[in-house]
Amino acid sequence: MLKKTIKYTDYDGNEREETFYFNLSKAEVAELELSVEGGLVKQIEKIVEEQDGRRIIEMFKDIILKSYGEKSPDGKRFVKSKELREAFSQTEAYSELFMELATDANAAAAFVNGITPQPTNNK
């Protein structure tokens, strides 16, 4: 899970700093991998290699919004819904994050690494 603090100016001109959460479960990663021919990683590499700006933007938008959610107060659930995604996408915080990822390859790599499940040492 990635906990990201984003500074932005809201639509009333107020400077804000809020913390947002992003995560993809193992099941969601598997679904994304199987949903594109050759797997998600190969698809990303192909899009970047071809420098297909339109598809890169679509991919970032999709990944940001699919990973956005809110932790339940007890920490047992990570709640995602169409309504939550839509509400987040309408904020300047989303816009700030999107532009950061679209213009900084290191930030984009760190984001993707932060939202995907990390391997565990189960013996």
PDB file of N, CA and C in Angstrom:
ATOM      1  N   MET A   1       0.851  -1.184   0.000  1.00  0.00           N
ATOM      2  CA  MET A   1       0.000   0.000   0.000  1.00  0.00           C
ATOM      3  C   MET A   1       0.889   1.236   0.000  1.00  0.00           C
ATOM      4  N   LEU A   2       0.473   2.200  -0.779  1.00  0.00           N
ATOM      5  CA  LEU A   2       1.191   3.459  -0.859  1.00  0.00           C
ATOM      6  C   LEU A   2       0.368   4.543  -0.180  1.00  0.00           C
ATOM      7  N   LYS A   3       0.995   5.211   0.766  1.00  0.00           N
ATOM      8  CA  LYS A   3       0.399   6.359   1.454  1.00  0.00           C
ATOM      9  C   LYS A   3       1.102   7.579   0.880  1.00  0.00           C
ATOM     10  N   LYS A   4       0.349   8.445   0.215  1.00  0.00           N
ATOM     11  CA  LYS A   4       0.963   9.577  -0.491  1.00  0.00           C
ATOM     12  C   LYS A   4       0.327  10.886  -0.043  1.00  0.00           C
ATOM     13  N   THR A   5       1.167  11.797   0.405  1.00  0.00           N
ATOM     14  CA  THR A   5       0.704  13.127   0.781  1.00  0.00           C
ATOM     15  C   THR A   5       0.861  14.035  -0.432  1.00  0.00           C
ATOM     16  N   ILE A   6      -0.226  14.696  -0.784  1.00  0.00           N
ATOM     17  CA  ILE A   6      -0.245  15.535  -1.979  1.00  0.00           C
ATOM     18  C   ILE A   6      -0.625  16.963  -1.579  1.00  0.00           C
ATOM     19  N   LYS A   7       0.190  17.905  -2.033  1.00  0.00           N
ATOM     20  CA  LYS A   7      -0.110  19.329  -1.839  1.00  0.00           C
ATOM     21  C   LYS A   7      -0.790  19.833  -3.109  1.00  0.00           C
ATOM     22  N   TYR A   8      -1.856  20.594  -2.925  1.00  0.00           N
ATOM     23  CA  TYR A   8      -2.577  21.136  -4.072  1.00  0.00           C
ATOM     24  C   TYR A   8      -3.388  22.351  -3.642  1.00  0.00           C
ATOM     25  N   THR A   9      -3.878  23.076  -4.622  1.00  0.00           N
ATOM     26  CA  THR A   9      -4.750  24.216  -4.371  1.00  0.00           C
ATOM     27  C   THR A   9      -6.152  23.821  -4.803  1.00  0.00           C
ATOM     28  N   ASP A  10      -7.118  23.933  -3.871  1.00  0.00           N
ATOM     29  CA  ASP A  10      -8.484  23.527  -4.198  1.00  0.00           C
ATOM     30  C   ASP A  10      -9.173  24.584  -5.064  1.00  0.00           C
ATOM     31  N   TYR A  11     -10.419  24.347  -5.403  1.00  0.00           N
ATOM     32  CA  TYR A  11     -11.135  25.224  -6.316  1.00  0.00           C
ATOM     33  C   TYR A  11     -11.609  26.529  -5.673  1.00  0.00           C
ATOM     34  N   ASP A  12     -11.377  26.666  -4.362  1.00  0.00           N
ATOM     35  CA  ASP A  12     -11.627  27.935  -3.692  1.00  0.00           C
ATOM     36  C   ASP A  12     -10.334  28.718  -3.500  1.00  0.00           C
ATOM     37  N   GLY A  13      -9.242  28.181  -4.036  1.00  0.00           N
ATOM     38  CA  GLY A  13      -7.948  28.853  -3.916  1.00  0.00           C
ATOM     39  C   GLY A  13      -7.200  28.553  -2.635  1.00  0.00           C
ATOM     40  N   ASN A  14      -7.691  27.579  -1.862  1.00  0.00           N
ATOM     41  CA  ASN A  14      -7.044  27.219  -0.599  1.00  0.00           C
ATOM     42  C   ASN A  14      -5.937  26.200  -0.837  1.00  0.00           C
ATOM     43  N   GLU A  15      -4.773  26.442  -0.224  1.00  0.00           N
ATOM     44  CA  GLU A  15      -3.680  25.472  -0.288  1.00  0.00           C
ATOM     45  C   GLU A  15      -4.035  24.326   0.658  1.00  0.00           C
ATOM     46  N   ARG A  16      -3.898  23.115   0.167  1.00  0.00           N
ATOM     47  CA  ARG A  16      -4.228  21.933   0.969  1.00  0.00           C
ATOM     48  C   ARG A  16      -3.085  20.934   0.900  1.00  0.00           C
ATOM     49  N   GLU A  17      -3.037  20.109   1.917  1.00  0.00           N
ATOM     50  CA  GLU A  17      -2.111  18.984   1.942  1.00  0.00           C
ATOM     51  C   GLU A  17      -2.879  17.826   2.561  1.00  0.00           C
ATOM     52  N   GLU A  18      -3.098  16.789   1.770  1.00  0.00           N
ATOM     53  CA  GLU A  18      -3.873  15.645   2.240  1.00  0.00           C
ATOM     54  C   GLU A  18      -3.132  14.353   1.941  1.00  0.00           C
ATOM     55  N   THR A  19      -3.456  13.341   2.728  1.00  0.00           N
ATOM     56  CA  THR A  19      -2.864  12.024   2.521  1.00  0.00           C
ATOM     57  C   THR A  19      -3.896  11.127   1.858  1.00  0.00           C
ATOM     58  N   PHE A  20      -3.448  10.447   0.812  1.00  0.00           N
ATOM     59  CA  PHE A  20      -4.298   9.548   0.045  1.00  0.00           C
ATOM     60  C   PHE A  20      -3.655   8.170   0.025  1.00  0.00           C
ATOM     61  N   TYR A  21      -4.471   7.143  -0.199  1.00  0.00           N
ATOM     62  CA  TYR A  21      -3.994   5.767  -0.189  1.00  0.00           C
ATOM     63  C   TYR A  21      -4.259   5.089  -1.533  1.00  0.00           C
ATOM     64  N   PHE A  22      -3.269   4.302  -1.952  1.00  0.00           N
ATOM     65  CA  PHE A  22      -3.345   3.592  -3.223  1.00  0.00           C
ATOM     66  C   PHE A  22      -2.843   2.169  -3.009  1.00  0.00           C
ATOM     67  N   ASN A  23      -3.541   1.207  -3.587  1.00  0.00           N
ATOM     68  CA  ASN A  23      -3.139  -0.184  -3.416  1.00  0.00           C
ATOM     69  C   ASN A  23      -3.800  -1.062  -4.480  1.00  0.00           C
ATOM     70  N   LEU A  24      -3.038  -2.042  -4.921  1.00  0.00           N
ATOM     71  CA  LEU A  24      -3.598  -3.105  -5.757  1.00  0.00           C
ATOM     72  C   LEU A  24      -3.347  -4.414  -5.036  1.00  0.00           C
ATOM     73  N   SER A  25      -4.384  -5.198  -4.859  1.00  0.00           N
ATOM     74  CA  SER A  25      -4.242  -6.498  -4.210  1.00  0.00           C
ATOM     75  C   SER A  25      -3.599  -7.476  -5.178  1.00  0.00           C
ATOM     76  N   LYS A  26      -3.178  -8.615  -4.672  1.00  0.00           N
ATOM     77  CA  LYS A  26      -2.611  -9.659  -5.538  1.00  0.00           C
ATOM     78  C   LYS A  26      -3.621 -10.066  -6.611  1.00  0.00           C
ATOM     79  N   ALA A  27      -4.882 -10.160  -6.236  1.00  0.00           N
ATOM     80  CA  ALA A  27      -5.927 -10.539  -7.182  1.00  0.00           C
ATOM     81  C   ALA A  27      -6.092  -9.475  -8.264  1.00  0.00           C
ATOM     82  N   GLU A  28      -6.041  -8.204  -7.883  1.00  0.00           N
ATOM     83  CA  GLU A  28      -6.182  -7.126  -8.865  1.00  0.00           C
ATOM     84  C   GLU A  28      -4.991  -7.099  -9.826  1.00  0.00           C
ATOM     85  N   VAL A  29      -3.796  -7.336  -9.310  1.00  0.00           N
ATOM     86  CA  VAL A  29      -2.605  -7.378 -10.170  1.00  0.00           C
ATOM     87  C   VAL A  29      -2.719  -8.534 -11.158  1.00  0.00           C
ATOM     88  N   ALA A  30      -3.155  -9.708 -10.667  1.00  0.00           N
ATOM     89  CA  ALA A  30      -3.325 -10.871 -11.543  1.00  0.00           C
ATOM     90  C   ALA A  30      -4.354 -10.568 -12.631  1.00  0.00           C
ATOM     91  N   GLU A  31      -5.442  -9.924 -12.254  1.00  0.00           N
ATOM     92  CA  GLU A  31      -6.481  -9.574 -13.217  1.00  0.00           C
ATOM     93  C   GLU A  31      -5.939  -8.615 -14.282  1.00  0.00           C
ATOM     94  N   LEU A  32      -5.166  -7.613 -13.860  1.00  0.00           N
ATOM     95  CA  LEU A  32      -4.567  -6.680 -14.810  1.00  0.00           C
ATOM     96  C   LEU A  32      -3.587  -7.391 -15.734  1.00  0.00           C
ATOM     97  N   GLU A  33      -2.783  -8.290 -15.173  1.00  0.00           N
ATOM     98  CA  GLU A  33      -1.807  -9.033 -15.974  1.00  0.00           C
ATOM     99  C   GLU A  33      -2.499  -9.861 -17.052  1.00  0.00           C
ATOM    100  N   LEU A  34      -3.602 -10.491 -16.680  1.00  0.00           N
ATOM    101  CA  LEU A  34      -4.301 -11.381 -17.605  1.00  0.00           C
ATOM    102  C   LEU A  34      -5.233 -10.640 -18.560  1.00  0.00           C
ATOM    103  N   SER A  35      -5.482  -9.359 -18.293  1.00  0.00           N
ATOM    104  CA  SER A  35      -6.445  -8.619 -19.105  1.00  0.00           C
ATOM    105  C   SER A  35      -5.847  -8.067 -20.399  1.00  0.00           C
ATOM    106  N   VAL A  36      -4.514  -8.085 -20.503  1.00  0.00           N
ATOM    107  CA  VAL A  36      -3.883  -7.578 -21.726  1.00  0.00           C
ATOM    108  C   VAL A  36      -2.970  -8.638 -22.320  1.00  0.00           C
ATOM    109  N   GLU A  37      -2.916  -8.656 -23.629  1.00  0.00           N
ATOM    110  CA  GLU A  37      -2.112  -9.648 -24.323  1.00  0.00           C
ATOM    111  C   GLU A  37      -0.638  -9.490 -23.971  1.00  0.00           C
ATOM    112  N   GLY A  38      -0.009 -10.593 -23.545  1.00  0.00           N
ATOM    113  CA  GLY A  38       1.401 -10.569 -23.187  1.00  0.00           C
ATOM    114  C   GLY A  38       1.660 -10.126 -21.758  1.00  0.00           C
ATOM    115  N   GLY A  39       0.628  -9.717 -21.040  1.00  0.00           N
ATOM    116  CA  GLY A  39       0.779  -9.277 -19.661  1.00  0.00           C
ATOM    117  C   GLY A  39       0.954  -7.771 -19.564  1.00  0.00           C
ATOM    118  N   LEU A  40       0.660  -7.252 -18.405  1.00  0.00           N
ATOM    119  CA  LEU A  40       0.678  -5.807 -18.163  1.00  0.00           C
ATOM    120  C   LEU A  40       2.073  -5.224 -18.340  1.00  0.00           C
ATOM    121  N   VAL A  41       3.083  -5.883 -17.788  1.00  0.00           N
ATOM    122  CA  VAL A  41       4.444  -5.359 -17.869  1.00  0.00           C
ATOM    123  C   VAL A  41       4.880  -5.235 -19.324  1.00  0.00           C
ATOM    124  N   LYS A  42       4.642  -6.272 -20.116  1.00  0.00           N
ATOM    125  CA  LYS A  42       5.011  -6.232 -21.538  1.00  0.00           C
ATOM    126  C   LYS A  42       4.229  -5.138 -22.263  1.00  0.00           C
ATOM    127  N   GLN A  43       2.970  -4.977 -21.913  1.00  0.00           N
ATOM    128  CA  GLN A  43       2.148  -3.946 -22.538  1.00  0.00           C
ATOM    129  C   GLN A  43       2.698  -2.560 -22.213  1.00  0.00           C
ATOM    130  N   ILE A  44       3.076  -2.330 -20.950  1.00  0.00           N
ATOM    131  CA  ILE A  44       3.646  -1.043 -20.547  1.00  0.00           C
ATOM    132  C   ILE A  44       4.943  -0.784 -21.307  1.00  0.00           C
ATOM    133  N   GLU A  45       5.811  -1.806 -21.359  1.00  0.00           N
ATOM    134  CA  GLU A  45       7.079  -1.658 -22.076  1.00  0.00           C
ATOM    135  C   GLU A  45       6.842  -1.301 -23.537  1.00  0.00           C
ATOM    136  N   LYS A  46       5.864  -1.942 -24.160  1.00  0.00           N
ATOM    137  CA  LYS A  46       5.552  -1.688 -25.569  1.00  0.00           C
ATOM    138  C   LYS A  46       5.060  -0.254 -25.764  1.00  0.00           C
ATOM    139  N   ILE A  47       4.174   0.187 -24.908  1.00  0.00           N
ATOM    140  CA  ILE A  47       3.622   1.542 -25.003  1.00  0.00           C
ATOM    141  C   ILE A  47       4.727   2.583 -24.839  1.00  0.00           C
ATOM    142  N   VAL A  48       5.608   2.366 -23.858  1.00  0.00           N
ATOM    143  CA  VAL A  48       6.713   3.298 -23.621  1.00  0.00           C
ATOM    144  C   VAL A  48       7.676   3.292 -24.804  1.00  0.00           C
ATOM    145  N   GLU A  49       8.012   2.091 -25.302  1.00  0.00           N
ATOM    146  CA  GLU A  49       8.927   1.961 -26.440  1.00  0.00           C
ATOM    147  C   GLU A  49       8.381   2.694 -27.669  1.00  0.00           C
ATOM    148  N   GLU A  50       7.090   2.564 -27.892  1.00  0.00           N
ATOM    149  CA  GLU A  50       6.459   3.212 -29.044  1.00  0.00           C
ATOM    150  C   GLU A  50       6.202   4.699 -28.803  1.00  0.00           C
ATOM    151  N   GLN A  51       6.423   5.139 -27.571  1.00  0.00           N
ATOM    152  CA  GLN A  51       6.176   6.525 -27.164  1.00  0.00           C
ATOM    153  C   GLN A  51       4.769   6.964 -27.564  1.00  0.00           C
ATOM    154  N   ASP A  52       3.812   6.089 -27.260  1.00  0.00           N
ATOM    155  CA  ASP A  52       2.414   6.343 -27.572  1.00  0.00           C
ATOM    156  C   ASP A  52       1.801   7.169 -26.439  1.00  0.00           C
ATOM    157  N   GLY A  53       1.892   8.499 -26.582  1.00  0.00           N
ATOM    158  CA  GLY A  53       1.450   9.412 -25.524  1.00  0.00           C
ATOM    159  C   GLY A  53       0.022   9.193 -25.076  1.00  0.00           C
ATOM    160  N   ARG A  54      -0.875   8.975 -26.033  1.00  0.00           N
ATOM    161  CA  ARG A  54      -2.287   8.786 -25.687  1.00  0.00           C
ATOM    162  C   ARG A  54      -2.475   7.557 -24.807  1.00  0.00           C
ATOM    163  N   ARG A  55      -1.813   6.454 -25.170  1.00  0.00           N
ATOM    164  CA  ARG A  55      -1.962   5.215 -24.395  1.00  0.00           C
ATOM    165  C   ARG A  55      -1.249   5.304 -23.052  1.00  0.00           C
ATOM    166  N   ILE A  56      -0.130   6.031 -22.992  1.00  0.00           N
ATOM    167  CA  ILE A  56       0.566   6.227 -21.713  1.00  0.00           C
ATOM    168  C   ILE A  56      -0.353   6.964 -20.747  1.00  0.00           C
ATOM    169  N   ILE A  57      -1.019   8.015 -21.233  1.00  0.00           N
ATOM    170  CA  ILE A  57      -1.927   8.794 -20.389  1.00  0.00           C
ATOM    171  C   ILE A  57      -3.099   7.937 -19.919  1.00  0.00           C
ATOM    172  N   GLU A  58      -3.677   7.168 -20.827  1.00  0.00           N
ATOM    173  CA  GLU A  58      -4.780   6.275 -20.456  1.00  0.00           C
ATOM    174  C   GLU A  58      -4.329   5.281 -19.391  1.00  0.00           C
ATOM    175  N   MET A  59      -3.113   4.743 -19.554  1.00  0.00           N
ATOM    176  CA  MET A  59      -2.590   3.755 -18.617  1.00  0.00           C
ATOM    177  C   MET A  59      -2.404   4.366 -17.225  1.00  0.00           C
ATOM    178  N   PHE A  60      -1.805   5.569 -17.152  1.00  0.00           N
ATOM    179  CA  PHE A  60      -1.618   6.211 -15.854  1.00  0.00           C
ATOM    180  C   PHE A  60      -2.952   6.494 -15.176  1.00  0.00           C
ATOM    181  N   LYS A  61      -3.893   7.018 -15.929  1.00  0.00           N
ATOM    182  CA  LYS A  61      -5.217   7.310 -15.374  1.00  0.00           C
ATOM    183  C   LYS A  61      -5.848   6.036 -14.820  1.00  0.00           C
ATOM    184  N   ASP A  62      -5.784   4.963 -15.597  1.00  0.00           N
ATOM    185  CA  ASP A  62      -6.365   3.694 -15.186  1.00  0.00           C
ATOM    186  C   ASP A  62      -5.701   3.158 -13.915  1.00  0.00           C
ATOM    187  N   ILE A  63      -4.391   3.178 -13.882  1.00  0.00           N
ATOM    188  CA  ILE A  63      -3.671   2.637 -12.724  1.00  0.00           C
ATOM    189  C   ILE A  63      -3.941   3.471 -11.477  1.00  0.00           C
ATOM    190  N   ILE A  64      -3.907   4.793 -11.600  1.00  0.00           N
ATOM    191  CA  ILE A  64      -4.173   5.660 -10.441  1.00  0.00           C
ATOM    192  C   ILE A  64      -5.565   5.381  -9.892  1.00  0.00           C
ATOM    193  N   LEU A  65      -6.563   5.397 -10.780  1.00  0.00           N
ATOM    194  CA  LEU A  65      -7.938   5.269 -10.302  1.00  0.00           C
ATOM    195  C   LEU A  65      -8.268   3.854  -9.830  1.00  0.00           C
ATOM    196  N   LYS A  66      -7.676   2.829 -10.454  1.00  0.00           N
ATOM    197  CA  LYS A  66      -7.921   1.455  -9.983  1.00  0.00           C
ATOM    198  C   LYS A  66      -7.279   1.212  -8.613  1.00  0.00           C
ATOM    199  N   SER A  67      -6.223   1.943  -8.305  1.00  0.00           N
ATOM    200  CA  SER A  67      -5.526   1.707  -7.041  1.00  0.00           C
ATOM    201  C   SER A  67      -6.022   2.609  -5.907  1.00  0.00           C
ATOM    202  N   TYR A  68      -6.800   3.649  -6.214  1.00  0.00           N
ATOM    203  CA  TYR A  68      -7.259   4.590  -5.194  1.00  0.00           C
ATOM    204  C   TYR A  68      -8.353   3.977  -4.322  1.00  0.00           C
ATOM    205  N   GLY A  69      -8.257   4.250  -3.024  1.00  0.00           N
ATOM    206  CA  GLY A  69      -9.291   3.800  -2.104  1.00  0.00           C
ATOM    207  C   GLY A  69      -9.107   4.437  -0.744  1.00  0.00           C
ATOM    208  N   GLU A  70      -9.923   4.000   0.188  1.00  0.00           N
ATOM    209  CA  GLU A  70      -9.864   4.500   1.563  1.00  0.00           C
ATOM    210  C   GLU A  70      -9.795   3.315   2.513  1.00  0.00           C
ATOM    211  N   LYS A  71      -8.886   3.413   3.479  1.00  0.00           N
ATOM    212  CA  LYS A  71      -8.769   2.349   4.478  1.00  0.00           C
ATOM    213  C   LYS A  71      -9.934   2.433   5.444  1.00  0.00           C
ATOM    214  N   SER A  72     -10.445   1.268   5.829  1.00  0.00           N
ATOM    215  CA  SER A  72     -11.488   1.250   6.851  1.00  0.00           C
ATOM    216  C   SER A  72     -10.834   1.623   8.184  1.00  0.00           C
ATOM    217  N   PRO A  73     -11.610   2.164   9.116  1.00  0.00           N
ATOM    218  CA  PRO A  73     -11.033   2.582  10.396  1.00  0.00           C
ATOM    219  C   PRO A  73     -10.304   1.455  11.144  1.00  0.00           C
ATOM    220  N   ASP A  74     -10.764   0.217  10.980  1.00  0.00           N
ATOM    221  CA  ASP A  74     -10.112  -0.890  11.672  1.00  0.00           C
ATOM    222  C   ASP A  74      -8.940  -1.480  10.882  1.00  0.00           C
ATOM    223  N   GLY A  75      -8.698  -0.962   9.670  1.00  0.00           N
ATOM    224  CA  GLY A  75      -7.573  -1.420   8.856  1.00  0.00           C
ATOM    225  C   GLY A  75      -7.770  -2.775   8.187  1.00  0.00           C
ATOM    226  N   LYS A  76      -8.965  -3.342   8.296  1.00  0.00           N
ATOM    227  CA  LYS A  76      -9.211  -4.667   7.712  1.00  0.00           C
ATOM    228  C   LYS A  76      -9.563  -4.606   6.232  1.00  0.00           C
ATOM    229  N   ARG A  77     -10.062  -3.462   5.800  1.00  0.00           N
ATOM    230  CA  ARG A  77     -10.509  -3.369   4.409  1.00  0.00           C
ATOM    231  C   ARG A  77      -9.895  -2.147   3.748  1.00  0.00           C
ATOM    232  N   PHE A  78      -9.751  -2.253   2.442  1.00  0.00           N
ATOM    233  CA  PHE A  78      -9.365  -1.111   1.622  1.00  0.00           C
ATOM    234  C   PHE A  78     -10.524  -0.913   0.665  1.00  0.00           C
ATOM    235  N   VAL A  79     -11.316   0.095   0.926  1.00  0.00           N
ATOM    236  CA  VAL A  79     -12.582   0.295   0.245  1.00  0.00           C
ATOM    237  C   VAL A  79     -12.358   1.054  -1.073  1.00  0.00           C
ATOM    238  N   LYS A  80     -12.856   0.445  -2.151  1.00  0.00           N
ATOM    239  CA  LYS A  80     -12.802   1.065  -3.465  1.00  0.00           C
ATOM    240  C   LYS A  80     -14.205   1.031  -4.051  1.00  0.00           C
ATOM    241  N   SER A  81     -14.550   2.084  -4.755  1.00  0.00           N
ATOM    242  CA  SER A  81     -15.852   2.102  -5.430  1.00  0.00           C
ATOM    243  C   SER A  81     -15.794   3.097  -6.578  1.00  0.00           C
ATOM    244  N   LYS A  82     -16.746   2.966  -7.467  1.00  0.00           N
ATOM    245  CA  LYS A  82     -16.844   3.897  -8.588  1.00  0.00           C
ATOM    246  C   LYS A  82     -17.004   5.322  -8.062  1.00  0.00           C
ATOM    247  N   GLU A  83     -17.809   5.482  -7.014  1.00  0.00           N
ATOM    248  CA  GLU A  83     -18.070   6.806  -6.457  1.00  0.00           C
ATOM    249  C   GLU A  83     -16.804   7.421  -5.866  1.00  0.00           C
ATOM    250  N   LEU A  84     -16.017   6.610  -5.127  1.00  0.00           N
ATOM    251  CA  LEU A  84     -14.769   7.119  -4.549  1.00  0.00           C
ATOM    252  C   LEU A  84     -13.780   7.507  -5.646  1.00  0.00           C
ATOM    253  N   ARG A  85     -13.649   6.656  -6.654  1.00  0.00           N
ATOM    254  CA  ARG A  85     -12.732   6.956  -7.769  1.00  0.00           C
ATOM    255  C   ARG A  85     -13.148   8.246  -8.475  1.00  0.00           C
ATOM    256  N   GLU A  86     -14.438   8.361  -8.742  1.00  0.00           N
ATOM    257  CA  GLU A  86     -14.932   9.545  -9.448  1.00  0.00           C
ATOM    258  C   GLU A  86     -14.702  10.806  -8.625  1.00  0.00           C
ATOM    259  N   ALA A  87     -14.978  10.738  -7.329  1.00  0.00           N
ATOM    260  CA  ALA A  87     -14.776  11.905  -6.463  1.00  0.00           C
ATOM    261  C   ALA A  87     -13.297  12.304  -6.444  1.00  0.00           C
ATOM    262  N   PHE A  88     -12.395  11.333  -6.311  1.00  0.00           N
ATOM    263  CA  PHE A  88     -10.969  11.639  -6.298  1.00  0.00           C
ATOM    264  C   PHE A  88     -10.533  12.230  -7.641  1.00  0.00           C
ATOM    265  N   SER A  89     -11.037  11.688  -8.744  1.00  0.00           N
ATOM    266  CA  SER A  89     -10.622  12.164 -10.073  1.00  0.00           C
ATOM    267  C   SER A  89     -11.046  13.609 -10.327  1.00  0.00           C
ATOM    268  N   GLN A  90     -11.978  14.118  -9.535  1.00  0.00           N
ATOM    269  CA  GLN A  90     -12.465  15.481  -9.712  1.00  0.00           C
ATOM    270  C   GLN A  90     -11.726  16.495  -8.842  1.00  0.00           C
ATOM    271  N   THR A  91     -10.654  16.045  -8.169  1.00  0.00           N
ATOM    272  CA  THR A  91      -9.885  16.943  -7.309  1.00  0.00           C
ATOM    273  C   THR A  91      -8.592  17.375  -7.984  1.00  0.00           C
ATOM    274  N   GLU A  92      -8.058  18.478  -7.513  1.00  0.00           N
ATOM    275  CA  GLU A  92      -6.753  18.923  -7.993  1.00  0.00           C
ATOM    276  C   GLU A  92      -5.646  18.027  -7.440  1.00  0.00           C
ATOM    277  N   ALA A  93      -5.917  17.290  -6.366  1.00  0.00           N
ATOM    278  CA  ALA A  93      -4.932  16.327  -5.858  1.00  0.00           C
ATOM    279  C   ALA A  93      -4.678  15.263  -6.924  1.00  0.00           C
ATOM    280  N   TYR A  94      -5.734  14.779  -7.552  1.00  0.00           N
ATOM    281  CA  TYR A  94      -5.588  13.814  -8.648  1.00  0.00           C
ATOM    282  C   TYR A  94      -4.772  14.423  -9.777  1.00  0.00           C
ATOM    283  N   SER A  95      -5.103  15.642 -10.140  1.00  0.00           N
ATOM    284  CA  SER A  95      -4.404  16.314 -11.224  1.00  0.00           C
ATOM    285  C   SER A  95      -2.914  16.456 -10.919  1.00  0.00           C
ATOM    286  N   GLU A  96      -2.582  16.828  -9.691  1.00  0.00           N
ATOM    287  CA  GLU A  96      -1.177  16.955  -9.278  1.00  0.00           C
ATOM    288  C   GLU A  96      -0.463  15.612  -9.385  1.00  0.00           C
ATOM    289  N   LEU A  97      -1.090  14.560  -8.873  1.00  0.00           N
ATOM    290  CA  LEU A  97      -0.485  13.228  -8.928  1.00  0.00           C
ATOM    291  C   LEU A  97      -0.319  12.776 -10.374  1.00  0.00           C
ATOM    292  N   PHE A  98      -1.336  12.951 -11.171  1.00  0.00           N
ATOM    293  CA  PHE A  98      -1.277  12.546 -12.570  1.00  0.00           C
ATOM    294  C   PHE A  98      -0.120  13.227 -13.285  1.00  0.00           C
ATOM    295  N   MET A  99       0.007  14.531 -13.110  1.00  0.00           N
ATOM    296  CA  MET A  99       1.073  15.271 -13.793  1.00  0.00           C
ATOM    297  C   MET A  99       2.452  14.844 -13.287  1.00  0.00           C
ATOM    298  N   GLU A 100       2.558  14.562 -12.006  1.00  0.00           N
ATOM    299  CA  GLU A 100       3.835  14.091 -11.465  1.00  0.00           C
ATOM    300  C   GLU A 100       4.241  12.772 -12.126  1.00  0.00           C
ATOM    301  N   LEU A 101       3.314  11.837 -12.212  1.00  0.00           N
ATOM    302  CA  LEU A 101       3.623  10.528 -12.784  1.00  0.00           C
ATOM    303  C   LEU A 101       3.870  10.606 -14.294  1.00  0.00           C
ATOM    304  N   ALA A 102       3.149  11.493 -14.966  1.00  0.00           N
ATOM    305  CA  ALA A 102       3.278  11.611 -16.414  1.00  0.00           C
ATOM    306  C   ALA A 102       4.570  12.303 -16.827  1.00  0.00           C
ATOM    307  N   THR A 103       5.177  13.061 -15.912  1.00  0.00           N
ATOM    308  CA  THR A 103       6.365  13.828 -16.280  1.00  0.00           C
ATOM    309  C   THR A 103       7.643  13.362 -15.587  1.00  0.00           C
ATOM    310  N   ASP A 104       7.539  12.413 -14.669  1.00  0.00           N
ATOM    311  CA  ASP A 104       8.713  11.963 -13.920  1.00  0.00           C
ATOM    312  C   ASP A 104       8.733  10.438 -13.883  1.00  0.00           C
ATOM    313  N   ALA A 105       9.604   9.840 -14.689  1.00  0.00           N
ATOM    314  CA  ALA A 105       9.663   8.372 -14.785  1.00  0.00           C
ATOM    315  C   ALA A 105      10.008   7.730 -13.448  1.00  0.00           C
ATOM    316  N   ASN A 106      10.864   8.371 -12.654  1.00  0.00           N
ATOM    317  CA  ASN A 106      11.224   7.806 -11.345  1.00  0.00           C
ATOM    318  C   ASN A 106      10.023   7.818 -10.400  1.00  0.00           C
ATOM    319  N   ALA A 107       9.257   8.899 -10.420  1.00  0.00           N
ATOM    320  CA  ALA A 107       8.056   8.975  -9.578  1.00  0.00           C
ATOM    321  C   ALA A 107       7.040   7.936 -10.023  1.00  0.00           C
ATOM    322  N   ALA A 108       6.913   7.740 -11.327  1.00  0.00           N
ATOM    323  CA  ALA A 108       5.970   6.741 -11.854  1.00  0.00           C
ATOM    324  C   ALA A 108       6.384   5.342 -11.417  1.00  0.00           C
ATOM    325  N   ALA A 109       7.679   5.031 -11.505  1.00  0.00           N
ATOM    326  CA  ALA A 109       8.171   3.708 -11.089  1.00  0.00           C
ATOM    327  C   ALA A 109       7.955   3.506  -9.599  1.00  0.00           C
ATOM    328  N   ALA A 110       8.234   4.526  -8.796  1.00  0.00           N
ATOM    329  CA  ALA A 110       8.042   4.420  -7.347  1.00  0.00           C
ATOM    330  C   ALA A 110       6.569   4.224  -7.012  1.00  0.00           C
ATOM    331  N   PHE A 111       5.682   4.893  -7.739  1.00  0.00           N
ATOM    332  CA  PHE A 111       4.247   4.750  -7.514  1.00  0.00           C
ATOM    333  C   PHE A 111       3.812   3.321  -7.797  1.00  0.00           C
ATOM    334  N   VAL A 112       4.187   2.802  -8.952  1.00  0.00           N
ATOM    335  CA  VAL A 112       3.787   1.440  -9.324  1.00  0.00           C
ATOM    336  C   VAL A 112       4.356   0.432  -8.327  1.00  0.00           C
ATOM    337  N   ASN A 113       5.602   0.598  -7.926  1.00  0.00           N
ATOM    338  CA  ASN A 113       6.192  -0.304  -6.932  1.00  0.00           C
ATOM    339  C   ASN A 113       5.479  -0.200  -5.594  1.00  0.00           C
ATOM    340  N   GLY A 114       5.034   1.007  -5.251  1.00  0.00           N
ATOM    341  CA  GLY A 114       4.358   1.224  -3.971  1.00  0.00           C
ATOM    342  C   GLY A 114       2.959   0.651  -3.896  1.00  0.00           C
ATOM    343  N   ILE A 115       2.288   0.547  -5.037  1.00  0.00           N
ATOM    344  CA  ILE A 115       0.888   0.081  -5.017  1.00  0.00           C
ATOM    345  C   ILE A 115       0.760  -1.412  -5.234  1.00  0.00           C
ATOM    346  N   THR A 116       1.834  -2.065  -5.672  1.00  0.00           N
ATOM    347  CA  THR A 116       1.749  -3.500  -5.939  1.00  0.00           C
ATOM    348  C   THR A 116       2.218  -4.297  -4.736  1.00  0.00           C
ATOM    349  N   PRO A 117       1.658  -5.488  -4.551  1.00  0.00           N
ATOM    350  CA  PRO A 117       2.023  -6.310  -3.404  1.00  0.00           C
ATOM    351  C   PRO A 117       3.514  -6.662  -3.428  1.00  0.00           C
ATOM    352  N   GLN A 118       4.129  -6.569  -2.286  1.00  0.00           N
ATOM    353  CA  GLN A 118       5.535  -6.920  -2.169  1.00  0.00           C
ATOM    354  C   GLN A 118       5.663  -8.398  -1.832  1.00  0.00           C
ATOM    355  N   PRO A 119       6.659  -9.053  -2.408  1.00  0.00           N
ATOM    356  CA  PRO A 119       6.845 -10.500  -2.110  1.00  0.00           C
ATOM    357  C   PRO A 119       7.098 -10.708  -0.618  1.00  0.00           C
ATOM    358  N   THR A 120       6.573 -11.811  -0.133  1.00  0.00           N
ATOM    359  CA  THR A 120       6.796 -12.160   1.267  1.00  0.00           C
ATOM    360  C   THR A 120       7.673 -13.396   1.318  1.00  0.00           C
ATOM    361  N   ASN A 121       8.348 -13.540   2.428  1.00  0.00           N
ATOM    362  CA  ASN A 121       9.213 -14.722   2.615  1.00  0.00           C
ATOM    363  C   ASN A 121       8.469 -15.790   3.389  1.00  0.00           C
ATOM    364  N   ASN A 122       7.579 -16.466   2.721  1.00  0.00           N
ATOM    365  CA  ASN A 122       6.847 -17.583   3.341  1.00  0.00           C
ATOM    366  C   ASN A 122       7.628 -18.864   3.104  1.00  0.00           C
ATOM    367  N   LYS A 123       8.022 -19.520   4.166  1.00  0.00           N
ATOM    368  CA  LYS A 123       8.780 -20.764   4.027  1.00  0.00           C
ATOM    369  C   LYS A 123       7.978 -21.947   4.480  1.00  0.00           C
TER     370      LYS A 123
END
